[in-house]
Amino acid sequence: MTRAKLKLLLEEYGRVAIWVYLVIWLSVLAGFAIAISSGFNVKDGPVGMGVLGAAWVATKLTQPLRIGATLVLTPVVSAALNKWRPRPKPDQGPDNPS
């Protein structure tokens, strides 16, 4: 069900959906990396994995939540971008003198 919704989202919003997902992914990865390097205790991780490895595993575990957030946030971001972007001016031709 989520895969079909994600496919429809990509068809409708294209690059905006991809960028929203990537921004969420990078934010979660950075958040986990900062938390782990600040002393958040990760117990069941393989020894020698390192901060980025542990952050990647934790980020991977949040994938369903990130996909859900992408489904919810993409239409909002797209609407905000459409309001922010200047609208193209109509062509000035013989029917539309300046």
PDB file of N, CA and C in Angstrom:
ATOM      1  N   MET A   1       0.827  -1.195   0.000  1.00  0.00           N
ATOM      2  CA  MET A   1       0.000   0.000   0.000  1.00  0.00           C
ATOM      3  C   MET A   1       0.869   1.256   0.000  1.00  0.00           C
ATOM      4  N   THR A   2       1.881   1.313   0.842  1.00  0.00           N
ATOM      5  CA  THR A   2       2.746   2.484   0.905  1.00  0.00           C
ATOM      6  C   THR A   2       3.537   2.638  -0.388  1.00  0.00           C
ATOM      7  N   ARG A   3       3.948   1.535  -0.974  1.00  0.00           N
ATOM      8  CA  ARG A   3       4.721   1.587  -2.211  1.00  0.00           C
ATOM      9  C   ARG A   3       3.893   2.231  -3.329  1.00  0.00           C
ATOM     10  N   ALA A   4       2.606   1.891  -3.404  1.00  0.00           N
ATOM     11  CA  ALA A   4       1.729   2.486  -4.420  1.00  0.00           C
ATOM     12  C   ALA A   4       1.551   3.987  -4.167  1.00  0.00           C
ATOM     13  N   LYS A   5       1.391   4.356  -2.900  1.00  0.00           N
ATOM     14  CA  LYS A   5       1.256   5.781  -2.559  1.00  0.00           C
ATOM     15  C   LYS A   5       2.527   6.543  -2.898  1.00  0.00           C
ATOM     16  N   LEU A   6       3.665   5.920  -2.634  1.00  0.00           N
ATOM     17  CA  LEU A   6       4.943   6.562  -2.937  1.00  0.00           C
ATOM     18  C   LEU A   6       5.117   6.735  -4.441  1.00  0.00           C
ATOM     19  N   LYS A   7       4.689   5.742  -5.216  1.00  0.00           N
ATOM     20  CA  LYS A   7       4.777   5.838  -6.674  1.00  0.00           C
ATOM     21  C   LYS A   7       3.899   6.974  -7.193  1.00  0.00           C
ATOM     22  N   LEU A   8       2.675   7.088  -6.667  1.00  0.00           N
ATOM     23  CA  LEU A   8       1.791   8.191  -7.063  1.00  0.00           C
ATOM     24  C   LEU A   8       2.378   9.541  -6.681  1.00  0.00           C
ATOM     25  N   LEU A   9       2.986   9.598  -5.514  1.00  0.00           N
ATOM     26  CA  LEU A   9       3.612  10.838  -5.056  1.00  0.00           C
ATOM     27  C   LEU A   9       4.738  11.259  -5.994  1.00  0.00           C
ATOM     28  N   LEU A  10       5.557  10.296  -6.398  1.00  0.00           N
ATOM     29  CA  LEU A  10       6.657  10.598  -7.316  1.00  0.00           C
ATOM     30  C   LEU A  10       6.137  11.044  -8.678  1.00  0.00           C
ATOM     31  N   GLU A  11       5.050  10.425  -9.143  1.00  0.00           N
ATOM     32  CA  GLU A  11       4.480  10.822 -10.431  1.00  0.00           C
ATOM     33  C   GLU A  11       3.928  12.243 -10.370  1.00  0.00           C
ATOM     34  N   GLU A  12       3.304  12.593  -9.251  1.00  0.00           N
ATOM     35  CA  GLU A  12       2.673  13.903  -9.143  1.00  0.00           C
ATOM     36  C   GLU A  12       3.676  15.017  -8.819  1.00  0.00           C
ATOM     37  N   TYR A  13       4.608  14.756  -7.919  1.00  0.00           N
ATOM     38  CA  TYR A  13       5.486  15.819  -7.434  1.00  0.00           C
ATOM     39  C   TYR A  13       6.932  15.702  -7.919  1.00  0.00           C
ATOM     40  N   GLY A  14       7.316  14.571  -8.452  1.00  0.00           N
ATOM     41  CA  GLY A  14       8.641  14.393  -9.039  1.00  0.00           C
ATOM     42  C   GLY A  14       9.794  14.723  -8.118  1.00  0.00           C
ATOM     43  N   ARG A  15      10.604  15.683  -8.550  1.00  0.00           N
ATOM     44  CA  ARG A  15      11.827  16.048  -7.816  1.00  0.00           C
ATOM     45  C   ARG A  15      11.552  16.548  -6.409  1.00  0.00           C
ATOM     46  N   VAL A  16      10.435  17.213  -6.213  1.00  0.00           N
ATOM     47  CA  VAL A  16      10.133  17.735  -4.871  1.00  0.00           C
ATOM     48  C   VAL A  16      10.046  16.578  -3.880  1.00  0.00           C
ATOM     49  N   ALA A  17       9.401  15.483  -4.260  1.00  0.00           N
ATOM     50  CA  ALA A  17       9.275  14.323  -3.368  1.00  0.00           C
ATOM     51  C   ALA A  17      10.645  13.724  -3.064  1.00  0.00           C
ATOM     52  N   ILE A  18      11.488  13.636  -4.066  1.00  0.00           N
ATOM     53  CA  ILE A  18      12.832  13.078  -3.858  1.00  0.00           C
ATOM     54  C   ILE A  18      13.632  13.967  -2.918  1.00  0.00           C
ATOM     55  N   TRP A  19      13.582  15.286  -3.131  1.00  0.00           N
ATOM     56  CA  TRP A  19      14.323  16.212  -2.266  1.00  0.00           C
ATOM     57  C   TRP A  19      13.793  16.187  -0.837  1.00  0.00           C
ATOM     58  N   VAL A  20      12.482  16.102  -0.666  1.00  0.00           N
ATOM     59  CA  VAL A  20      11.914  16.030   0.689  1.00  0.00           C
ATOM     60  C   VAL A  20      12.431  14.780   1.390  1.00  0.00           C
ATOM     61  N   TYR A  21      12.405  13.645   0.694  1.00  0.00           N
ATOM     62  CA  TYR A  21      12.890  12.403   1.291  1.00  0.00           C
ATOM     63  C   TYR A  21      14.370  12.513   1.657  1.00  0.00           C
ATOM     64  N   LEU A  22      15.179  13.050   0.740  1.00  0.00           N
ATOM     65  CA  LEU A  22      16.613  13.168   1.014  1.00  0.00           C
ATOM     66  C   LEU A  22      16.918  14.107   2.175  1.00  0.00           C
ATOM     67  N   VAL A  23      16.192  15.207   2.269  1.00  0.00           N
ATOM     68  CA  VAL A  23      16.400  16.137   3.390  1.00  0.00           C
ATOM     69  C   VAL A  23      16.026  15.468   4.709  1.00  0.00           C
ATOM     70  N   ILE A  24      14.920  14.730   4.714  1.00  0.00           N
ATOM     71  CA  ILE A  24      14.525  14.012   5.933  1.00  0.00           C
ATOM     72  C   ILE A  24      15.585  12.971   6.285  1.00  0.00           C
ATOM     73  N   TRP A  25      16.061  12.223   5.291  1.00  0.00           N
ATOM     74  CA  TRP A  25      17.056  11.175   5.525  1.00  0.00           C
ATOM     75  C   TRP A  25      18.342  11.768   6.093  1.00  0.00           C
ATOM     76  N   LEU A  26      18.834  12.827   5.467  1.00  0.00           N
ATOM     77  CA  LEU A  26      20.071  13.450   5.956  1.00  0.00           C
ATOM     78  C   LEU A  26      19.893  14.042   7.352  1.00  0.00           C
ATOM     79  N   SER A  27      18.735  14.622   7.626  1.00  0.00           N
ATOM     80  CA  SER A  27      18.475  15.188   8.953  1.00  0.00           C
ATOM     81  C   SER A  27      18.465  14.104  10.021  1.00  0.00           C
ATOM     82  N   VAL A  28      17.816  12.984   9.730  1.00  0.00           N
ATOM     83  CA  VAL A  28      17.757  11.882  10.696  1.00  0.00           C
ATOM     84  C   VAL A  28      19.144  11.279  10.898  1.00  0.00           C
ATOM     85  N   LEU A  29      19.885  11.070   9.807  1.00  0.00           N
ATOM     86  CA  LEU A  29      21.237  10.521   9.909  1.00  0.00           C
ATOM     87  C   LEU A  29      22.131  11.440  10.737  1.00  0.00           C
ATOM     88  N   ALA A  30      22.097  12.734  10.445  1.00  0.00           N
ATOM     89  CA  ALA A  30      22.908  13.694  11.201  1.00  0.00           C
ATOM     90  C   ALA A  30      22.471  13.743  12.658  1.00  0.00           C
ATOM     91  N   GLY A  31      21.166  13.700  12.890  1.00  0.00           N
ATOM     92  CA  GLY A  31      20.667  13.712  14.269  1.00  0.00           C
ATOM     93  C   GLY A  31      21.153  12.522  15.072  1.00  0.00           C
ATOM     94  N   PHE A  32      21.078  11.327  14.469  1.00  0.00           N
ATOM     95  CA  PHE A  32      21.577  10.142  15.164  1.00  0.00           C
ATOM     96  C   PHE A  32      23.090  10.210  15.362  1.00  0.00           C
ATOM     97  N   ALA A  33      23.821  10.687  14.360  1.00  0.00           N
ATOM     98  CA  ALA A  33      25.281  10.792  14.490  1.00  0.00           C
ATOM     99  C   ALA A  33      25.651  11.743  15.619  1.00  0.00           C
ATOM    100  N   ILE A  34      24.964  12.869  15.695  1.00  0.00           N
ATOM    101  CA  ILE A  34      25.238  13.838  16.768  1.00  0.00           C
ATOM    102  C   ILE A  34      24.876  13.242  18.124  1.00  0.00           C
ATOM    103  N   ALA A  35      23.720  12.565  18.198  1.00  0.00           N
ATOM    104  CA  ALA A  35      23.300  11.961  19.465  1.00  0.00           C
ATOM    105  C   ALA A  35      24.291  10.890  19.926  1.00  0.00           C
ATOM    106  N   ILE A  36      24.727  10.059  18.999  1.00  0.00           N
ATOM    107  CA  ILE A  36      25.665   8.982  19.361  1.00  0.00           C
ATOM    108  C   ILE A  36      27.015   9.554  19.763  1.00  0.00           C
ATOM    109  N   SER A  37      27.507  10.553  19.015  1.00  0.00           N
ATOM    110  CA  SER A  37      28.804  11.127  19.372  1.00  0.00           C
ATOM    111  C   SER A  37      28.730  11.956  20.646  1.00  0.00           C
ATOM    112  N   SER A  38      27.530  12.377  21.029  1.00  0.00           N
ATOM    113  CA  SER A  38      27.364  13.140  22.268  1.00  0.00           C
ATOM    114  C   SER A  38      27.207  12.245  23.482  1.00  0.00           C
ATOM    115  N   GLY A  39      27.203  10.947  23.272  1.00  0.00           N
ATOM    116  CA  GLY A  39      27.163  10.044  24.415  1.00  0.00           C
ATOM    117  C   GLY A  39      25.925   9.192  24.509  1.00  0.00           C
ATOM    118  N   PHE A  40      25.031   9.249  23.540  1.00  0.00           N
ATOM    119  CA  PHE A  40      23.869   8.364  23.552  1.00  0.00           C
ATOM    120  C   PHE A  40      24.392   6.939  23.485  1.00  0.00           C
ATOM    121  N   ASN A  41      23.991   6.099  24.396  1.00  0.00           N
ATOM    122  CA  ASN A  41      24.544   4.752  24.506  1.00  0.00           C
ATOM    123  C   ASN A  41      23.844   3.807  23.538  1.00  0.00           C
ATOM    124  N   VAL A  42      24.619   3.246  22.619  1.00  0.00           N
ATOM    125  CA  VAL A  42      24.099   2.256  21.685  1.00  0.00           C
ATOM    126  C   VAL A  42      24.629   0.914  22.136  1.00  0.00           C
ATOM    127  N   LYS A  43      23.784   0.063  22.683  1.00  0.00           N
ATOM    128  CA  LYS A  43      24.222  -1.241  23.208  1.00  0.00           C
ATOM    129  C   LYS A  43      24.125  -2.288  22.125  1.00  0.00           C
ATOM    130  N   ASP A  44      23.617  -2.978  21.663  1.00  0.00           N
ATOM    131  CA  ASP A  44      23.512  -4.071  20.727  1.00  0.00           C
ATOM    132  C   ASP A  44      24.155  -3.816  19.365  1.00  0.00           C
ATOM    133  N   GLY A  45      24.983  -2.808  19.206  1.00  0.00           N
ATOM    134  CA  GLY A  45      25.634  -2.581  17.922  1.00  0.00           C
ATOM    135  C   GLY A  45      26.931  -3.356  17.827  1.00  0.00           C
ATOM    136  N   PRO A  46      27.326  -3.769  16.628  1.00  0.00           N
ATOM    137  CA  PRO A  46      28.600  -4.484  16.480  1.00  0.00           C
ATOM    138  C   PRO A  46      29.776  -3.616  16.924  1.00  0.00           C
ATOM    139  N   VAL A  47      30.759  -4.237  17.513  1.00  0.00           N
ATOM    140  CA  VAL A  47      31.933  -3.520  17.999  1.00  0.00           C
ATOM    141  C   VAL A  47      32.706  -2.972  16.799  1.00  0.00           C
ATOM    142  N   GLY A  48      33.161  -1.735  16.914  1.00  0.00           N
ATOM    143  CA  GLY A  48      33.950  -1.126  15.858  1.00  0.00           C
ATOM    144  C   GLY A  48      33.133  -0.535  14.720  1.00  0.00           C
ATOM    145  N   MET A  49      31.834  -0.458  14.892  1.00  0.00           N
ATOM    146  CA  MET A  49      30.983   0.058  13.824  1.00  0.00           C
ATOM    147  C   MET A  49      31.223   1.539  13.598  1.00  0.00           C
ATOM    148  N   GLY A  50      31.478   2.288  14.627  1.00  0.00           N
ATOM    149  CA  GLY A  50      31.713   3.712  14.498  1.00  0.00           C
ATOM    150  C   GLY A  50      30.419   4.495  14.549  1.00  0.00           C
ATOM    151  N   VAL A  51      30.585   5.799  14.662  1.00  0.00           N
ATOM    152  CA  VAL A  51      29.435   6.690  14.816  1.00  0.00           C
ATOM    153  C   VAL A  51      28.554   6.667  13.574  1.00  0.00           C
ATOM    154  N   LEU A  52      29.154   6.815  12.397  1.00  0.00           N
ATOM    155  CA  LEU A  52      28.338   6.851  11.175  1.00  0.00           C
ATOM    156  C   LEU A  52      27.666   5.521  10.888  1.00  0.00           C
ATOM    157  N   GLY A  53      28.343   4.421  11.174  1.00  0.00           N
ATOM    158  CA  GLY A  53      27.723   3.107  10.979  1.00  0.00           C
ATOM    159  C   GLY A  53      26.531   2.910  11.890  1.00  0.00           C
ATOM    160  N   ALA A  54      26.698   3.264  13.155  1.00  0.00           N
ATOM    161  CA  ALA A  54      25.586   3.144  14.105  1.00  0.00           C
ATOM    162  C   ALA A  54      24.457   4.098  13.739  1.00  0.00           C
ATOM    163  N   ALA A  55      24.804   5.305  13.282  1.00  0.00           N
ATOM    164  CA  ALA A  55      23.776   6.262  12.865  1.00  0.00           C
ATOM    165  C   ALA A  55      23.036   5.751  11.634  1.00  0.00           C
ATOM    166  N   TRP A  56      23.748   5.097  10.711  1.00  0.00           N
ATOM    167  CA  TRP A  56      23.108   4.556   9.512  1.00  0.00           C
ATOM    168  C   TRP A  56      22.113   3.451   9.879  1.00  0.00           C
ATOM    169  N   VAL A  57      22.518   2.562  10.805  1.00  0.00           N
ATOM    170  CA  VAL A  57      21.618   1.487  11.241  1.00  0.00           C
ATOM    171  C   VAL A  57      20.371   2.076  11.901  1.00  0.00           C
ATOM    172  N   ALA A  58      20.566   3.052  12.774  1.00  0.00           N
ATOM    173  CA  ALA A  58      19.428   3.681  13.435  1.00  0.00           C
ATOM    174  C   ALA A  58      18.532   4.393  12.423  1.00  0.00           C
ATOM    175  N   THR A  59      19.138   5.034  11.429  1.00  0.00           N
ATOM    176  CA  THR A  59      18.368   5.712  10.391  1.00  0.00           C
ATOM    177  C   THR A  59      17.585   4.707   9.563  1.00  0.00           C
ATOM    178  N   LYS A  60      18.189   3.574   9.252  1.00  0.00           N
ATOM    179  CA  LYS A  60      17.520   2.528   8.475  1.00  0.00           C
ATOM    180  C   LYS A  60      16.290   2.017   9.217  1.00  0.00           C
ATOM    181  N   LEU A  61      16.380   1.944  10.538  1.00  0.00           N
ATOM    182  CA  LEU A  61      15.241   1.474  11.329  1.00  0.00           C
ATOM    183  C   LEU A  61      14.065   2.449  11.287  1.00  0.00           C
ATOM    184  N   THR A  62      14.335   3.699  10.982  1.00  0.00           N
ATOM    185  CA  THR A  62      13.267   4.698  10.928  1.00  0.00           C
ATOM    186  C   THR A  62      12.683   4.870   9.528  1.00  0.00           C
ATOM    187  N   GLN A  63      13.072   4.014   8.577  1.00  0.00           N
ATOM    188  CA  GLN A  63      12.629   4.175   7.187  1.00  0.00           C
ATOM    189  C   GLN A  63      11.112   4.251   7.030  1.00  0.00           C
ATOM    190  N   PRO A  64      10.313   3.398   7.658  1.00  0.00           N
ATOM    191  CA  PRO A  64       8.859   3.528   7.492  1.00  0.00           C
ATOM    192  C   PRO A  64       8.333   4.892   7.960  1.00  0.00           C
ATOM    193  N   LEU A  65       8.896   5.406   9.035  1.00  0.00           N
ATOM    194  CA  LEU A  65       8.477   6.719   9.525  1.00  0.00           C
ATOM    195  C   LEU A  65       8.892   7.824   8.555  1.00  0.00           C
ATOM    196  N   ARG A  66      10.081   7.697   7.977  1.00  0.00           N
ATOM    197  CA  ARG A  66      10.546   8.704   7.017  1.00  0.00           C
ATOM    198  C   ARG A  66       9.715   8.692   5.743  1.00  0.00           C
ATOM    199  N   ILE A  67       9.312   7.505   5.290  1.00  0.00           N
ATOM    200  CA  ILE A  67       8.452   7.421   4.108  1.00  0.00           C
ATOM    201  C   ILE A  67       7.103   8.054   4.410  1.00  0.00           C
ATOM    202  N   GLY A  68       6.555   7.785   5.582  1.00  0.00           N
ATOM    203  CA  GLY A  68       5.287   8.413   5.983  1.00  0.00           C
ATOM    204  C   GLY A  68       5.402   9.925   6.052  1.00  0.00           C
ATOM    205  N   ALA A  69       6.501  10.409   6.611  1.00  0.00           N
ATOM    206  CA  ALA A  69       6.714  11.856   6.683  1.00  0.00           C
ATOM    207  C   ALA A  69       6.832  12.458   5.292  1.00  0.00           C
ATOM    208  N   THR A  70       7.472  11.735   4.380  1.00  0.00           N
ATOM    209  CA  THR A  70       7.592  12.215   3.004  1.00  0.00           C
ATOM    210  C   THR A  70       6.221  12.310   2.350  1.00  0.00           C
ATOM    211  N   LEU A  71       5.376  11.303   2.569  1.00  0.00           N
ATOM    212  CA  LEU A  71       4.027  11.314   2.001  1.00  0.00           C
ATOM    213  C   LEU A  71       3.219  12.504   2.513  1.00  0.00           C
ATOM    214  N   VAL A  72       3.411  12.844   3.777  1.00  0.00           N
ATOM    215  CA  VAL A  72       2.648  13.948   4.378  1.00  0.00           C
ATOM    216  C   VAL A  72       3.233  15.306   3.995  1.00  0.00           C
ATOM    217  N   LEU A  73       4.558  15.433   4.015  1.00  0.00           N
ATOM    218  CA  LEU A  73       5.192  16.744   3.838  1.00  0.00           C
ATOM    219  C   LEU A  73       5.349  17.187   2.388  1.00  0.00           C
ATOM    220  N   THR A  74       5.429  16.263   1.445  1.00  0.00           N
ATOM    221  CA  THR A  74       5.680  16.651   0.059  1.00  0.00           C
ATOM    222  C   THR A  74       4.611  17.591  -0.502  1.00  0.00           C
ATOM    223  N   PRO A  75       3.306  17.316  -0.337  1.00  0.00           N
ATOM    224  CA  PRO A  75       2.321  18.275  -0.852  1.00  0.00           C
ATOM    225  C   PRO A  75       2.433  19.651  -0.197  1.00  0.00           C
ATOM    226  N   VAL A  76       2.771  19.688   1.080  1.00  0.00           N
ATOM    227  CA  VAL A  76       2.919  20.959   1.797  1.00  0.00           C
ATOM    228  C   VAL A  76       4.116  21.734   1.245  1.00  0.00           C
ATOM    229  N   VAL A  77       5.242  21.049   1.064  1.00  0.00           N
ATOM    230  CA  VAL A  77       6.436  21.699   0.533  1.00  0.00           C
ATOM    231  C   VAL A  77       6.192  22.170  -0.895  1.00  0.00           C
ATOM    232  N   SER A  78       5.529  21.352  -1.697  1.00  0.00           N
ATOM    233  CA  SER A  78       5.242  21.731  -3.078  1.00  0.00           C
ATOM    234  C   SER A  78       4.361  22.975  -3.140  1.00  0.00           C
ATOM    235  N   ALA A  79       3.335  23.043  -2.287  1.00  0.00           N
ATOM    236  CA  ALA A  79       2.464  24.226  -2.255  1.00  0.00           C
ATOM    237  C   ALA A  79       3.250  25.461  -1.825  1.00  0.00           C
ATOM    238  N   ALA A  80       4.133  25.314  -0.844  1.00  0.00           N
ATOM    239  CA  ALA A  80       4.943  26.449  -0.399  1.00  0.00           C
ATOM    240  C   ALA A  80       5.891  26.907  -1.504  1.00  0.00           C
ATOM    241  N   LEU A  81       6.487  25.971  -2.218  1.00  0.00           N
ATOM    242  CA  LEU A  81       7.371  26.338  -3.321  1.00  0.00           C
ATOM    243  C   LEU A  81       6.612  27.039  -4.438  1.00  0.00           C
ATOM    244  N   ASN A  82       5.411  26.575  -4.721  1.00  0.00           N
ATOM    245  CA  ASN A  82       4.612  27.214  -5.767  1.00  0.00           C
ATOM    246  C   ASN A  82       4.232  28.644  -5.398  1.00  0.00           C
ATOM    247  N   LYS A  83       4.001  28.908  -4.118  1.00  0.00           N
ATOM    248  CA  LYS A  83       3.703  30.275  -3.684  1.00  0.00           C
ATOM    249  C   LYS A  83       4.953  31.143  -3.720  1.00  0.00           C
ATOM    250  N   TRP A  84       6.088  30.550  -3.421  1.00  0.00           N
ATOM    251  CA  TRP A  84       7.343  31.290  -3.327  1.00  0.00           C
ATOM    252  C   TRP A  84       7.924  31.605  -4.693  1.00  0.00           C
ATOM    253  N   ARG A  85       7.798  30.677  -5.633  1.00  0.00           N
ATOM    254  CA  ARG A  85       8.353  30.870  -6.974  1.00  0.00           C
ATOM    255  C   ARG A  85       7.556  31.935  -7.723  1.00  0.00           C
ATOM    256  N   PRO A  86       8.242  32.797  -8.459  1.00  0.00           N
ATOM    257  CA  PRO A  86       7.503  33.773  -9.263  1.00  0.00           C
ATOM    258  C   PRO A  86       6.786  33.074 -10.410  1.00  0.00           C
ATOM    259  N   ARG A  87       5.603  33.560 -10.698  1.00  0.00           N
ATOM    260  CA  ARG A  87       4.834  32.982 -11.797  1.00  0.00           C
ATOM    261  C   ARG A  87       5.383  33.518 -13.112  1.00  0.00           C
ATOM    262  N   PRO A  88       5.419  32.677 -14.137  1.00  0.00           N
ATOM    263  CA  PRO A  88       5.914  33.161 -15.427  1.00  0.00           C
ATOM    264  C   PRO A  88       4.969  34.205 -16.003  1.00  0.00           C
ATOM    265  N   LYS A  89       5.559  35.235 -16.592  1.00  0.00           N
ATOM    266  CA  LYS A  89       4.758  36.290 -17.199  1.00  0.00           C
ATOM    267  C   LYS A  89       4.231  35.794 -18.532  1.00  0.00           C
ATOM    268  N   PRO A  90       3.020  36.192 -18.900  1.00  0.00           N
ATOM    269  CA  PRO A  90       2.496  35.780 -20.192  1.00  0.00           C
ATOM    270  C   PRO A  90       3.371  36.347 -21.308  1.00  0.00           C
ATOM    271  N   ASP A  91       3.461  35.610 -22.395  1.00  0.00           N
ATOM    272  CA  ASP A  91       4.242  36.080 -23.531  1.00  0.00           C
ATOM    273  C   ASP A  91       3.680  37.389 -24.063  1.00  0.00           C
ATOM    274  N   GLN A  92       4.565  38.278 -24.411  1.00  0.00           N
ATOM    275  CA  GLN A  92       4.119  39.534 -24.982  1.00  0.00           C
ATOM    276  C   GLN A  92       4.217  39.407 -26.498  1.00  0.00           C
ATOM    277  N   GLY A  93       3.108  39.387 -27.116  1.00  0.00           N
ATOM    278  CA  GLY A  93       3.042  39.254 -28.559  1.00  0.00           C
ATOM    279  C   GLY A  93       2.040  40.248 -29.115  1.00  0.00           C
ATOM    280  N   PRO A  94       1.596  40.033 -30.350  1.00  0.00           N
ATOM    281  CA  PRO A  94       0.657  40.963 -30.959  1.00  0.00           C
ATOM    282  C   PRO A  94      -0.677  41.023 -30.221  1.00  0.00           C
ATOM    283  N   ASP A  95      -1.074  39.909 -29.609  1.00  0.00           N
ATOM    284  CA  ASP A  95      -2.345  39.895 -28.866  1.00  0.00           C
ATOM    285  C   ASP A  95      -2.197  40.484 -27.481  1.00  0.00           C
ATOM    286  N   ASN A  96      -0.975  40.642 -27.022  1.00  0.00           N
ATOM    287  CA  ASN A  96      -0.722  41.105 -25.669  1.00  0.00           C
ATOM    288  C   ASN A  96       0.367  42.165 -25.709  1.00  0.00           C
ATOM    289  N   PRO A  97       0.046  43.361 -26.184  1.00  0.00           N
ATOM    290  CA  PRO A  97       1.077  44.418 -26.273  1.00  0.00           C
ATOM    291  C   PRO A  97       1.519  44.879 -24.893  1.00  0.00           C
ATOM    292  N   SER A  98       2.751  45.352 -24.826  1.00  0.00           N
ATOM    293  CA  SER A  98       3.259  45.837 -23.530  1.00  0.00           C
ATOM    294  C   SER A  98       2.924  47.270 -23.280  1.00  0.00           C
TER     295      SER A  98
END
